[in-house]
Amino acid sequence: MTETVADLRADGHTDWRVYGTLELPPILAHALDAIVEQGYHATTVRDLARRVGVTVPALYYHYANKQAILVELLLGSLRAVLGRCRSAVEEAGEDPVDRFRALVECIVLFMTHRAPLAFLDTETRSLESGNRERYVDLRDELEGLMRDAVRDGSRAGVFTVPVPVDAGRAVLSMCQAVAQWYRPDGPLTPQEIAERYVTIALYAVGHGPQR
């Protein structure tokens, strides 16, 4: 199974836990590699054209500028993880603990299976006004899913953390940071990492397993 950039935009997936090989169009694939290697501002359109093997005018035929490429990658990535999180929450049902567990697992799985794309979150500072607002709107929805799960758990008395909103934000940041250190050749599989982070996150909101 493969996923294309069109699937990213459409949140395409059949099972939120299952990932295939991501196949990006050459321009986006090379842009992703270049930005991860050297950063957005150090990556030039001329450099991208050289990597892809086309002329600069040919590159501009597909994308208006370098910013448009970054927007495609960043918004596509965020829509993909958000789409999977929506599916995870729907599958989990009304129980806040189940929703919280599913969200943490879903986000960590994305951070491992799509680490290069997820790593681009560090380049949100490079988004221009307008594009940044579009990104923030999507990110707010993702934060809202986590915030609601922790708040509901706190109100139900199953989470004992005294600051549920801050706890939800902290857990989300912890999960997203996985993309910065994850390596496919590491000792743990993505699923094993996700399961460990679910345990850590449950302790963070005051719902540690009974000894």
N, C-alpha and C. Protein backbone atom coordinates (compact mmCIF):
# COMPACT_ATOMS: atom_id res chain seq x y z
N MET A 1 0.85 -1.20 0.00
CA MET A 1 0.00 0.00 0.00
C MET A 1 0.88 1.25 0.00
N THR A 2 0.52 2.24 -0.79
CA THR A 2 1.25 3.50 -0.80
C THR A 2 0.29 4.63 -0.54
N GLU A 3 0.81 5.74 -0.04
CA GLU A 3 0.01 6.93 0.18
C GLU A 3 0.65 8.06 -0.61
N THR A 4 -0.15 8.81 -1.33
CA THR A 4 0.35 9.91 -2.12
C THR A 4 0.06 11.22 -1.41
N VAL A 5 0.60 12.31 -1.95
CA VAL A 5 0.35 13.61 -1.34
C VAL A 5 -1.14 13.94 -1.39
N ALA A 6 -1.85 13.43 -2.40
CA ALA A 6 -3.30 13.65 -2.46
C ALA A 6 -3.98 13.02 -1.26
N ASP A 7 -3.48 11.84 -0.85
CA ASP A 7 -4.03 11.20 0.34
C ASP A 7 -3.77 12.04 1.58
N LEU A 8 -2.60 12.70 1.63
CA LEU A 8 -2.29 13.56 2.76
C LEU A 8 -3.32 14.67 2.86
N ARG A 9 -3.61 15.29 1.74
CA ARG A 9 -4.55 16.40 1.77
C ARG A 9 -5.95 15.93 2.16
N ALA A 10 -6.30 14.72 1.75
CA ALA A 10 -7.65 14.22 2.00
C ALA A 10 -7.73 13.38 3.27
N ASP A 11 -6.65 13.36 4.07
CA ASP A 11 -6.61 12.52 5.26
C ASP A 11 -6.87 11.05 4.90
N GLY A 12 -6.35 10.61 3.77
CA GLY A 12 -6.65 9.27 3.29
C GLY A 12 -6.02 8.18 4.12
N HIS A 13 -6.84 7.28 4.63
CA HIS A 13 -6.37 6.10 5.35
C HIS A 13 -7.56 5.18 5.54
N THR A 14 -7.28 3.91 5.66
CA THR A 14 -8.35 2.95 5.93
C THR A 14 -8.35 2.52 7.39
N ASP A 15 -7.19 2.53 8.01
CA ASP A 15 -7.05 2.18 9.42
C ASP A 15 -6.03 3.15 10.01
N TRP A 16 -6.40 3.87 11.06
CA TRP A 16 -5.52 4.93 11.57
C TRP A 16 -4.22 4.39 12.14
N ARG A 17 -4.16 3.10 12.42
CA ARG A 17 -2.93 2.50 12.95
C ARG A 17 -2.01 1.98 11.85
N VAL A 18 -2.51 1.86 10.64
CA VAL A 18 -1.76 1.22 9.56
C VAL A 18 -1.17 2.27 8.62
N TYR A 19 0.12 2.08 8.30
CA TYR A 19 0.82 3.00 7.41
C TYR A 19 1.46 2.23 6.26
N GLY A 20 1.36 2.80 5.08
CA GLY A 20 2.08 2.27 3.94
C GLY A 20 3.26 3.16 3.63
N THR A 21 3.91 2.90 2.51
CA THR A 21 5.04 3.71 2.07
C THR A 21 4.54 5.02 1.49
N LEU A 22 5.07 6.11 1.95
CA LEU A 22 4.66 7.42 1.47
C LEU A 22 5.43 7.75 0.19
N GLU A 23 4.71 8.04 -0.87
CA GLU A 23 5.33 8.40 -2.14
C GLU A 23 4.91 9.82 -2.52
N LEU A 24 5.83 10.74 -2.37
CA LEU A 24 5.56 12.13 -2.72
C LEU A 24 6.01 12.40 -4.16
N PRO A 25 5.40 13.36 -4.84
CA PRO A 25 5.91 13.79 -6.14
C PRO A 25 7.37 14.24 -5.99
N PRO A 26 8.19 14.10 -7.04
CA PRO A 26 9.62 14.40 -6.92
C PRO A 26 9.94 15.76 -6.31
N ILE A 27 9.21 16.79 -6.68
CA ILE A 27 9.51 18.12 -6.16
C ILE A 27 9.32 18.15 -4.65
N LEU A 28 8.21 17.60 -4.17
CA LEU A 28 7.95 17.61 -2.73
C LEU A 28 8.91 16.68 -1.98
N ALA A 29 9.22 15.54 -2.58
CA ALA A 29 10.14 14.61 -1.93
C ALA A 29 11.52 15.23 -1.75
N HIS A 30 12.03 15.87 -2.79
CA HIS A 30 13.35 16.50 -2.70
C HIS A 30 13.31 17.73 -1.80
N ALA A 31 12.20 18.45 -1.83
CA ALA A 31 12.07 19.61 -0.95
C ALA A 31 12.07 19.17 0.51
N LEU A 32 11.37 18.09 0.80
CA LEU A 32 11.34 17.57 2.16
C LEU A 32 12.74 17.19 2.63
N ASP A 33 13.47 16.49 1.78
CA ASP A 33 14.84 16.09 2.13
C ASP A 33 15.72 17.32 2.38
N ALA A 34 15.62 18.30 1.50
CA ALA A 34 16.47 19.49 1.60
C ALA A 34 16.16 20.30 2.86
N ILE A 35 14.88 20.47 3.15
CA ILE A 35 14.50 21.29 4.31
C ILE A 35 14.88 20.59 5.60
N VAL A 36 14.70 19.26 5.66
CA VAL A 36 15.10 18.51 6.85
C VAL A 36 16.62 18.59 7.04
N GLU A 37 17.36 18.51 5.93
CA GLU A 37 18.83 18.52 6.01
C GLU A 37 19.39 19.88 6.40
N GLN A 38 18.87 20.95 5.78
CA GLN A 38 19.53 22.25 5.93
C GLN A 38 18.62 23.40 6.33
N GLY A 39 17.35 23.13 6.50
CA GLY A 39 16.44 24.18 6.92
C GLY A 39 15.79 24.89 5.73
N TYR A 40 14.66 25.50 6.00
CA TYR A 40 13.89 26.15 4.93
C TYR A 40 14.64 27.33 4.31
N HIS A 41 15.17 28.19 5.15
CA HIS A 41 15.79 29.41 4.61
C HIS A 41 17.08 29.12 3.86
N ALA A 42 17.77 28.06 4.21
CA ALA A 42 19.01 27.70 3.51
C ALA A 42 18.73 26.95 2.21
N THR A 43 17.50 26.53 2.01
CA THR A 43 17.12 25.82 0.79
C THR A 43 16.65 26.82 -0.25
N THR A 44 17.29 26.82 -1.40
CA THR A 44 16.93 27.75 -2.47
C THR A 44 16.15 27.04 -3.56
N VAL A 45 15.42 27.82 -4.34
CA VAL A 45 14.70 27.26 -5.47
C VAL A 45 15.66 26.65 -6.48
N ARG A 46 16.79 27.29 -6.66
CA ARG A 46 17.81 26.76 -7.59
C ARG A 46 18.32 25.41 -7.10
N ASP A 47 18.51 25.29 -5.79
CA ASP A 47 18.96 24.02 -5.20
C ASP A 47 17.90 22.94 -5.42
N LEU A 48 16.63 23.29 -5.20
CA LEU A 48 15.56 22.32 -5.39
C LEU A 48 15.49 21.87 -6.85
N ALA A 49 15.59 22.82 -7.77
CA ALA A 49 15.54 22.47 -9.20
C ALA A 49 16.68 21.53 -9.56
N ARG A 50 17.86 21.78 -9.00
CA ARG A 50 19.01 20.91 -9.26
C ARG A 50 18.77 19.51 -8.72
N ARG A 51 18.22 19.42 -7.53
CA ARG A 51 17.94 18.11 -6.93
C ARG A 51 16.91 17.32 -7.74
N VAL A 52 15.89 18.04 -8.21
CA VAL A 52 14.83 17.37 -8.96
C VAL A 52 15.28 17.03 -10.37
N GLY A 53 16.21 17.84 -10.89
CA GLY A 53 16.69 17.63 -12.25
C GLY A 53 15.87 18.38 -13.28
N VAL A 54 15.35 19.54 -12.88
CA VAL A 54 14.57 20.37 -13.80
C VAL A 54 15.11 21.80 -13.75
N THR A 55 14.63 22.63 -14.66
CA THR A 55 15.02 24.04 -14.65
C THR A 55 14.20 24.79 -13.60
N VAL A 56 14.68 25.96 -13.22
CA VAL A 56 13.94 26.78 -12.27
C VAL A 56 12.56 27.16 -12.82
N PRO A 57 12.44 27.58 -14.11
CA PRO A 57 11.11 27.88 -14.65
C PRO A 57 10.18 26.67 -14.60
N ALA A 58 10.72 25.46 -14.79
CA ALA A 58 9.89 24.26 -14.73
C ALA A 58 9.37 24.04 -13.32
N LEU A 59 10.20 24.37 -12.34
CA LEU A 59 9.76 24.24 -10.94
C LEU A 59 8.63 25.22 -10.65
N TYR A 60 8.79 26.45 -11.15
CA TYR A 60 7.76 27.47 -10.94
C TYR A 60 6.45 27.13 -11.65
N TYR A 61 6.53 26.26 -12.65
CA TYR A 61 5.31 25.84 -13.35
C TYR A 61 4.40 25.07 -12.40
N HIS A 62 5.00 24.32 -11.47
CA HIS A 62 4.24 23.49 -10.54
C HIS A 62 3.90 24.23 -9.24
N TYR A 63 4.81 25.06 -8.79
CA TYR A 63 4.60 25.79 -7.53
C TYR A 63 5.01 27.25 -7.71
N ALA A 64 4.19 28.15 -7.19
CA ALA A 64 4.43 29.58 -7.41
C ALA A 64 5.75 30.04 -6.80
N ASN A 65 6.15 29.44 -5.68
CA ASN A 65 7.38 29.83 -5.01
C ASN A 65 7.74 28.77 -3.96
N LYS A 66 8.85 28.99 -3.28
CA LYS A 66 9.30 28.05 -2.26
C LYS A 66 8.31 27.97 -1.10
N GLN A 67 7.66 29.07 -0.77
CA GLN A 67 6.68 29.08 0.30
C GLN A 67 5.53 28.13 -0.01
N ALA A 68 5.09 28.09 -1.25
CA ALA A 68 3.99 27.22 -1.63
C ALA A 68 4.34 25.76 -1.42
N ILE A 69 5.60 25.40 -1.62
CA ILE A 69 6.04 24.03 -1.39
C ILE A 69 6.00 23.70 0.10
N LEU A 70 6.48 24.63 0.92
CA LEU A 70 6.45 24.43 2.36
C LEU A 70 5.01 24.28 2.86
N VAL A 71 4.12 25.11 2.35
CA VAL A 71 2.71 25.06 2.74
C VAL A 71 2.11 23.70 2.38
N GLU A 72 2.42 23.21 1.18
CA GLU A 72 1.90 21.91 0.76
C GLU A 72 2.34 20.80 1.71
N LEU A 73 3.60 20.83 2.10
CA LEU A 73 4.13 19.80 2.99
C LEU A 73 3.57 19.94 4.41
N LEU A 74 3.60 21.14 4.95
CA LEU A 74 3.17 21.34 6.33
C LEU A 74 1.67 21.11 6.51
N LEU A 75 0.86 21.70 5.65
CA LEU A 75 -0.58 21.53 5.80
C LEU A 75 -1.00 20.11 5.45
N GLY A 76 -0.33 19.51 4.48
CA GLY A 76 -0.64 18.12 4.14
C GLY A 76 -0.36 17.20 5.30
N SER A 77 0.78 17.41 5.96
CA SER A 77 1.16 16.58 7.10
C SER A 77 0.18 16.75 8.25
N LEU A 78 -0.18 17.99 8.55
CA LEU A 78 -1.08 18.25 9.67
C LEU A 78 -2.48 17.70 9.39
N ARG A 79 -2.93 17.84 8.14
CA ARG A 79 -4.25 17.28 7.79
C ARG A 79 -4.25 15.76 7.91
N ALA A 80 -3.11 15.15 7.59
CA ALA A 80 -3.02 13.70 7.67
C ALA A 80 -3.13 13.22 9.11
N VAL A 81 -2.35 13.81 10.01
CA VAL A 81 -2.41 13.37 11.40
C VAL A 81 -3.76 13.73 12.03
N LEU A 82 -4.31 14.87 11.65
CA LEU A 82 -5.60 15.26 12.19
C LEU A 82 -6.70 14.30 11.73
N GLY A 83 -6.64 13.90 10.47
CA GLY A 83 -7.62 12.95 9.96
C GLY A 83 -7.56 11.62 10.69
N ARG A 84 -6.35 11.15 10.95
CA ARG A 84 -6.20 9.89 11.69
C ARG A 84 -6.68 10.04 13.13
N CYS A 85 -6.40 11.19 13.73
CA CYS A 85 -6.85 11.42 15.11
C CYS A 85 -8.37 11.48 15.19
N ARG A 86 -9.01 12.06 14.20
CA ARG A 86 -10.47 12.07 14.18
C ARG A 86 -11.01 10.65 14.16
N SER A 87 -10.38 9.80 13.33
CA SER A 87 -10.80 8.40 13.25
C SER A 87 -10.56 7.68 14.57
N ALA A 88 -9.41 7.96 15.20
CA ALA A 88 -9.08 7.31 16.47
C ALA A 88 -10.09 7.68 17.56
N VAL A 89 -10.45 8.96 17.61
CA VAL A 89 -11.41 9.42 18.62
C VAL A 89 -12.78 8.82 18.37
N GLU A 90 -13.19 8.77 17.11
CA GLU A 90 -14.50 8.20 16.78
C GLU A 90 -14.55 6.72 17.15
N GLU A 91 -13.47 6.02 16.89
CA GLU A 91 -13.42 4.59 17.21
C GLU A 91 -13.41 4.36 18.73
N ALA A 92 -12.77 5.27 19.46
CA ALA A 92 -12.65 5.11 20.92
C ALA A 92 -13.97 5.28 21.64
N GLY A 93 -14.85 6.10 21.11
CA GLY A 93 -16.15 6.29 21.74
C GLY A 93 -16.14 7.41 22.77
N GLU A 94 -17.07 7.35 23.70
CA GLU A 94 -17.30 8.46 24.64
C GLU A 94 -16.37 8.44 25.85
N ASP A 95 -15.84 7.30 26.20
CA ASP A 95 -15.00 7.21 27.40
C ASP A 95 -13.75 8.08 27.25
N PRO A 96 -13.52 9.05 28.15
CA PRO A 96 -12.39 9.97 28.00
C PRO A 96 -11.03 9.28 28.10
N VAL A 97 -10.94 8.22 28.91
CA VAL A 97 -9.67 7.49 29.01
C VAL A 97 -9.35 6.81 27.68
N ASP A 98 -10.35 6.18 27.08
CA ASP A 98 -10.14 5.52 25.79
C ASP A 98 -9.78 6.54 24.71
N ARG A 99 -10.45 7.69 24.72
CA ARG A 99 -10.14 8.73 23.73
C ARG A 99 -8.72 9.25 23.92
N PHE A 100 -8.34 9.46 25.17
CA PHE A 100 -7.00 9.97 25.47
C PHE A 100 -5.93 8.97 25.03
N ARG A 101 -6.14 7.71 25.37
CA ARG A 101 -5.19 6.67 24.97
C ARG A 101 -5.06 6.60 23.46
N ALA A 102 -6.20 6.64 22.77
CA ALA A 102 -6.19 6.55 21.31
C ALA A 102 -5.47 7.73 20.68
N LEU A 103 -5.70 8.94 21.22
CA LEU A 103 -5.04 10.12 20.67
C LEU A 103 -3.53 10.05 20.83
N VAL A 104 -3.07 9.67 22.02
CA VAL A 104 -1.63 9.58 22.24
C VAL A 104 -1.02 8.54 21.32
N GLU A 105 -1.65 7.38 21.23
CA GLU A 105 -1.14 6.33 20.34
C GLU A 105 -1.11 6.81 18.89
N CYS A 106 -2.18 7.45 18.46
CA CYS A 106 -2.29 7.91 17.07
C CYS A 106 -1.22 8.93 16.73
N ILE A 107 -1.01 9.89 17.61
CA ILE A 107 -0.03 10.95 17.34
C ILE A 107 1.39 10.38 17.32
N VAL A 108 1.70 9.51 18.27
CA VAL A 108 3.05 8.94 18.31
C VAL A 108 3.30 8.04 17.10
N LEU A 109 2.30 7.29 16.67
CA LEU A 109 2.47 6.47 15.47
C LEU A 109 2.76 7.34 14.26
N PHE A 110 2.08 8.48 14.16
CA PHE A 110 2.35 9.39 13.03
C PHE A 110 3.76 9.96 13.13
N MET A 111 4.18 10.33 14.34
CA MET A 111 5.50 10.92 14.52
C MET A 111 6.62 9.94 14.17
N THR A 112 6.35 8.65 14.28
CA THR A 112 7.37 7.66 13.93
C THR A 112 7.28 7.27 12.45
N HIS A 113 6.09 6.92 12.01
CA HIS A 113 5.93 6.48 10.62
C HIS A 113 6.15 7.61 9.61
N ARG A 114 5.90 8.83 10.03
CA ARG A 114 6.06 9.99 9.13
C ARG A 114 7.01 11.01 9.76
N ALA A 115 8.09 10.52 10.34
CA ALA A 115 9.02 11.39 11.08
C ALA A 115 9.54 12.58 10.27
N PRO A 116 10.01 12.40 9.02
CA PRO A 116 10.50 13.57 8.28
C PRO A 116 9.42 14.64 8.08
N LEU A 117 8.20 14.20 7.74
CA LEU A 117 7.11 15.17 7.59
C LEU A 117 6.79 15.84 8.91
N ALA A 118 6.71 15.04 9.97
CA ALA A 118 6.38 15.58 11.29
C ALA A 118 7.46 16.53 11.77
N PHE A 119 8.71 16.25 11.42
CA PHE A 119 9.83 17.10 11.83
C PHE A 119 9.68 18.51 11.27
N LEU A 120 8.99 18.64 10.15
CA LEU A 120 8.81 19.96 9.52
C LEU A 120 8.03 20.93 10.40
N ASP A 121 7.39 20.43 11.44
CA ASP A 121 6.66 21.32 12.35
C ASP A 121 7.58 22.41 12.89
N THR A 122 8.89 22.12 12.95
CA THR A 122 9.83 23.13 13.42
C THR A 122 9.94 24.31 12.45
N GLU A 123 9.45 24.13 11.23
CA GLU A 123 9.53 25.20 10.23
C GLU A 123 8.25 26.03 10.14
N THR A 124 7.34 25.84 11.09
CA THR A 124 6.13 26.67 11.06
C THR A 124 6.47 28.15 11.23
N ARG A 125 7.62 28.42 11.86
CA ARG A 125 8.06 29.81 12.01
C ARG A 125 8.36 30.46 10.66
N SER A 126 8.55 29.64 9.63
CA SER A 126 8.88 30.15 8.30
C SER A 126 7.64 30.43 7.46
N LEU A 127 6.47 30.10 7.98
CA LEU A 127 5.24 30.37 7.23
C LEU A 127 4.92 31.85 7.24
N GLU A 128 4.50 32.34 6.10
CA GLU A 128 4.11 33.74 5.98
C GLU A 128 2.71 33.94 6.54
N SER A 129 2.39 35.19 6.86
CA SER A 129 1.07 35.52 7.37
C SER A 129 0.00 35.04 6.41
N GLY A 130 -1.05 34.50 6.92
CA GLY A 130 -2.09 33.90 6.08
C GLY A 130 -1.89 32.39 6.05
N ASN A 131 -0.74 31.98 5.58
CA ASN A 131 -0.42 30.55 5.61
C ASN A 131 -0.28 30.08 7.05
N ARG A 132 0.32 30.91 7.89
CA ARG A 132 0.48 30.55 9.29
C ARG A 132 -0.89 30.41 9.97
N GLU A 133 -1.82 31.31 9.62
CA GLU A 133 -3.15 31.24 10.21
C GLU A 133 -3.87 29.95 9.81
N ARG A 134 -3.70 29.54 8.56
CA ARG A 134 -4.31 28.29 8.10
C ARG A 134 -3.75 27.11 8.89
N TYR A 135 -2.46 27.13 9.12
CA TYR A 135 -1.82 26.06 9.88
C TYR A 135 -2.29 26.06 11.33
N VAL A 136 -2.35 27.24 11.93
CA VAL A 136 -2.76 27.36 13.33
C VAL A 136 -4.19 26.87 13.52
N ASP A 137 -5.07 27.15 12.56
CA ASP A 137 -6.46 26.70 12.67
C ASP A 137 -6.52 25.17 12.76
N LEU A 138 -5.73 24.49 11.93
CA LEU A 138 -5.71 23.03 11.96
C LEU A 138 -5.07 22.53 13.25
N ARG A 139 -4.00 23.16 13.66
CA ARG A 139 -3.33 22.76 14.89
C ARG A 139 -4.24 22.96 16.10
N ASP A 140 -5.03 24.02 16.09
CA ASP A 140 -5.97 24.26 17.18
C ASP A 140 -6.99 23.14 17.30
N GLU A 141 -7.42 22.60 16.17
CA GLU A 141 -8.37 21.49 16.21
C GLU A 141 -7.72 20.25 16.84
N LEU A 142 -6.47 20.00 16.49
CA LEU A 142 -5.76 18.86 17.07
C LEU A 142 -5.59 19.05 18.58
N GLU A 143 -5.20 20.25 18.99
CA GLU A 143 -5.07 20.53 20.41
C GLU A 143 -6.41 20.41 21.12
N GLY A 144 -7.48 20.79 20.42
CA GLY A 144 -8.81 20.70 21.01
C GLY A 144 -9.24 19.27 21.29
N LEU A 145 -8.87 18.34 20.41
CA LEU A 145 -9.20 16.94 20.65
C LEU A 145 -8.54 16.44 21.93
N MET A 146 -7.27 16.81 22.10
CA MET A 146 -6.55 16.40 23.30
C MET A 146 -7.10 17.11 24.53
N ARG A 147 -7.34 18.40 24.42
CA ARG A 147 -7.85 19.18 25.55
C ARG A 147 -9.19 18.65 26.03
N ASP A 148 -10.08 18.32 25.08
CA ASP A 148 -11.40 17.83 25.46
C ASP A 148 -11.32 16.49 26.17
N ALA A 149 -10.43 15.62 25.71
CA ALA A 149 -10.29 14.31 26.35
C ALA A 149 -9.81 14.45 27.79
N VAL A 150 -8.82 15.34 28.00
CA VAL A 150 -8.29 15.52 29.36
C VAL A 150 -9.31 16.22 30.24
N ARG A 151 -9.98 17.23 29.72
CA ARG A 151 -11.00 17.94 30.50
C ARG A 151 -12.13 17.00 30.90
N ASP A 152 -12.59 16.19 29.95
CA ASP A 152 -13.69 15.27 30.24
C ASP A 152 -13.26 14.24 31.29
N GLY A 153 -12.02 13.78 31.18
CA GLY A 153 -11.53 12.83 32.17
C GLY A 153 -11.40 13.45 33.54
N SER A 154 -11.01 14.72 33.57
CA SER A 154 -10.89 15.43 34.84
C SER A 154 -12.26 15.64 35.48
N ARG A 155 -13.23 16.02 34.67
CA ARG A 155 -14.58 16.24 35.19
C ARG A 155 -15.22 14.95 35.67
N ALA A 156 -14.84 13.84 35.02
CA ALA A 156 -15.39 12.54 35.42
C ALA A 156 -14.66 11.95 36.61
N GLY A 157 -13.56 12.59 37.02
CA GLY A 157 -12.81 12.11 38.16
C GLY A 157 -11.84 10.99 37.87
N VAL A 158 -11.65 10.66 36.59
CA VAL A 158 -10.71 9.58 36.25
C VAL A 158 -9.30 10.11 36.00
N PHE A 159 -9.17 11.42 35.77
CA PHE A 159 -7.87 12.08 35.70
C PHE A 159 -7.78 13.03 36.90
N THR A 160 -6.69 12.97 37.62
CA THR A 160 -6.58 13.79 38.83
C THR A 160 -5.65 14.98 38.67
N VAL A 161 -5.09 15.21 37.48
CA VAL A 161 -4.20 16.34 37.29
C VAL A 161 -4.95 17.64 37.57
N PRO A 162 -4.38 18.56 38.37
CA PRO A 162 -5.10 19.78 38.75
C PRO A 162 -5.19 20.82 37.64
N VAL A 163 -4.37 20.67 36.61
CA VAL A 163 -4.37 21.65 35.50
C VAL A 163 -4.56 20.89 34.18
N PRO A 164 -5.77 20.45 33.89
CA PRO A 164 -6.00 19.60 32.72
C PRO A 164 -5.62 20.23 31.39
N VAL A 165 -5.90 21.52 31.22
CA VAL A 165 -5.57 22.16 29.95
C VAL A 165 -4.06 22.17 29.72
N ASP A 166 -3.31 22.55 30.74
CA ASP A 166 -1.85 22.55 30.62
C ASP A 166 -1.31 21.14 30.43
N ALA A 167 -1.93 20.18 31.11
CA ALA A 167 -1.49 18.79 30.98
C ALA A 167 -1.69 18.28 29.56
N GLY A 168 -2.83 18.61 28.97
CA GLY A 168 -3.10 18.19 27.60
C GLY A 168 -2.10 18.79 26.64
N ARG A 169 -1.78 20.06 26.84
CA ARG A 169 -0.80 20.72 25.97
C ARG A 169 0.58 20.09 26.13
N ALA A 170 0.94 19.75 27.36
CA ALA A 170 2.23 19.14 27.63
C ALA A 170 2.33 17.75 27.00
N VAL A 171 1.27 16.98 27.09
CA VAL A 171 1.26 15.63 26.50
C VAL A 171 1.38 15.72 24.99
N LEU A 172 0.67 16.65 24.38
CA LEU A 172 0.74 16.82 22.94
C LEU A 172 2.15 17.18 22.50
N SER A 173 2.79 18.11 23.22
CA SER A 173 4.16 18.50 22.89
C SER A 173 5.12 17.33 23.05
N MET A 174 4.92 16.54 24.09
CA MET A 174 5.76 15.37 24.34
C MET A 174 5.65 14.38 23.17
N CYS A 175 4.44 14.15 22.71
CA CYS A 175 4.24 13.21 21.61
C CYS A 175 4.85 13.73 20.31
N GLN A 176 4.67 15.01 20.04
CA GLN A 176 5.19 15.58 18.80
C GLN A 176 6.72 15.58 18.78
N ALA A 177 7.34 15.63 19.95
CA ALA A 177 8.81 15.66 20.01
C ALA A 177 9.42 14.33 19.58
N VAL A 178 8.64 13.27 19.51
CA VAL A 178 9.17 11.97 19.10
C VAL A 178 9.81 12.05 17.71
N ALA A 179 9.24 12.85 16.84
CA ALA A 179 9.76 12.97 15.47
C ALA A 179 11.20 13.50 15.44
N GLN A 180 11.63 14.18 16.49
CA GLN A 180 12.96 14.77 16.52
C GLN A 180 14.05 13.75 16.84
N TRP A 181 13.68 12.64 17.48
CA TRP A 181 14.72 11.67 17.85
C TRP A 181 14.49 10.28 17.28
N TYR A 182 13.32 10.00 16.76
CA TYR A 182 13.02 8.65 16.27
C TYR A 182 13.91 8.26 15.09
N ARG A 183 14.38 7.00 15.11
CA ARG A 183 15.14 6.43 14.01
C ARG A 183 14.55 5.06 13.68
N PRO A 184 14.31 4.79 12.40
CA PRO A 184 13.71 3.49 12.02
C PRO A 184 14.53 2.29 12.46
N ASP A 185 15.84 2.46 12.59
CA ASP A 185 16.69 1.34 12.98
C ASP A 185 16.90 1.26 14.49
N GLY A 186 16.08 1.97 15.26
CA GLY A 186 16.19 1.95 16.71
C GLY A 186 15.69 0.64 17.30
N PRO A 187 15.85 0.45 18.60
CA PRO A 187 15.52 -0.82 19.24
C PRO A 187 14.02 -1.09 19.40
N LEU A 188 13.19 -0.04 19.29
CA LEU A 188 11.75 -0.20 19.51
C LEU A 188 10.98 0.06 18.22
N THR A 189 9.90 -0.68 18.03
CA THR A 189 9.02 -0.44 16.89
C THR A 189 8.14 0.77 17.18
N PRO A 190 7.54 1.37 16.14
CA PRO A 190 6.61 2.47 16.38
C PRO A 190 5.50 2.11 17.36
N GLN A 191 4.96 0.89 17.26
CA GLN A 191 3.89 0.49 18.15
C GLN A 191 4.37 0.39 19.59
N GLU A 192 5.58 -0.12 19.79
CA GLU A 192 6.13 -0.22 21.14
C GLU A 192 6.36 1.16 21.75
N ILE A 193 6.85 2.09 20.93
CA ILE A 193 7.05 3.46 21.41
C ILE A 193 5.71 4.08 21.77
N ALA A 194 4.71 3.88 20.93
CA ALA A 194 3.38 4.43 21.19
C ALA A 194 2.81 3.89 22.49
N GLU A 195 2.97 2.61 22.73
CA GLU A 195 2.45 2.01 23.96
C GLU A 195 3.15 2.58 25.20
N ARG A 196 4.46 2.80 25.10
CA ARG A 196 5.18 3.40 26.23
C ARG A 196 4.71 4.82 26.48
N TYR A 197 4.47 5.56 25.42
CA TYR A 197 4.03 6.95 25.58
C TYR A 197 2.61 7.02 26.13
N VAL A 198 1.78 6.06 25.80
CA VAL A 198 0.44 6.01 26.39
C VAL A 198 0.56 5.87 27.90
N THR A 199 1.44 5.00 28.36
CA THR A 199 1.64 4.82 29.80
C THR A 199 2.15 6.10 30.45
N ILE A 200 3.15 6.72 29.84
CA ILE A 200 3.70 7.97 30.38
C ILE A 200 2.62 9.05 30.44
N ALA A 201 1.83 9.15 29.37
CA ALA A 201 0.80 10.18 29.29
C ALA A 201 -0.29 9.97 30.34
N LEU A 202 -0.65 8.71 30.59
CA LEU A 202 -1.65 8.44 31.61
C LEU A 202 -1.17 8.87 32.99
N TYR A 203 0.08 8.63 33.29
CA TYR A 203 0.64 9.11 34.55
C TYR A 203 0.62 10.64 34.59
N ALA A 204 0.88 11.27 33.45
CA ALA A 204 0.94 12.74 33.41
C ALA A 204 -0.39 13.38 33.75
N VAL A 205 -1.50 12.69 33.44
CA VAL A 205 -2.81 13.26 33.74
C VAL A 205 -3.41 12.66 35.02
N GLY A 206 -2.60 11.89 35.74
CA GLY A 206 -3.08 11.34 37.01
C GLY A 206 -3.96 10.13 36.86
N HIS A 207 -3.60 9.26 35.94
CA HIS A 207 -4.36 8.02 35.75
C HIS A 207 -3.38 6.86 35.55
N GLY A 208 -2.44 6.73 36.46
CA GLY A 208 -1.47 5.65 36.35
C GLY A 208 -2.11 4.31 36.60
N PRO A 209 -1.59 3.24 35.95
CA PRO A 209 -2.13 1.89 36.16
C PRO A 209 -2.01 1.47 37.62
N GLN A 210 -2.95 0.67 38.07
CA GLN A 210 -2.91 0.17 39.43
C GLN A 210 -1.74 -0.80 39.58
N ARG A 211 -1.00 -0.66 40.63
CA ARG A 211 0.10 -1.58 40.88
C ARG A 211 -0.44 -2.91 41.40
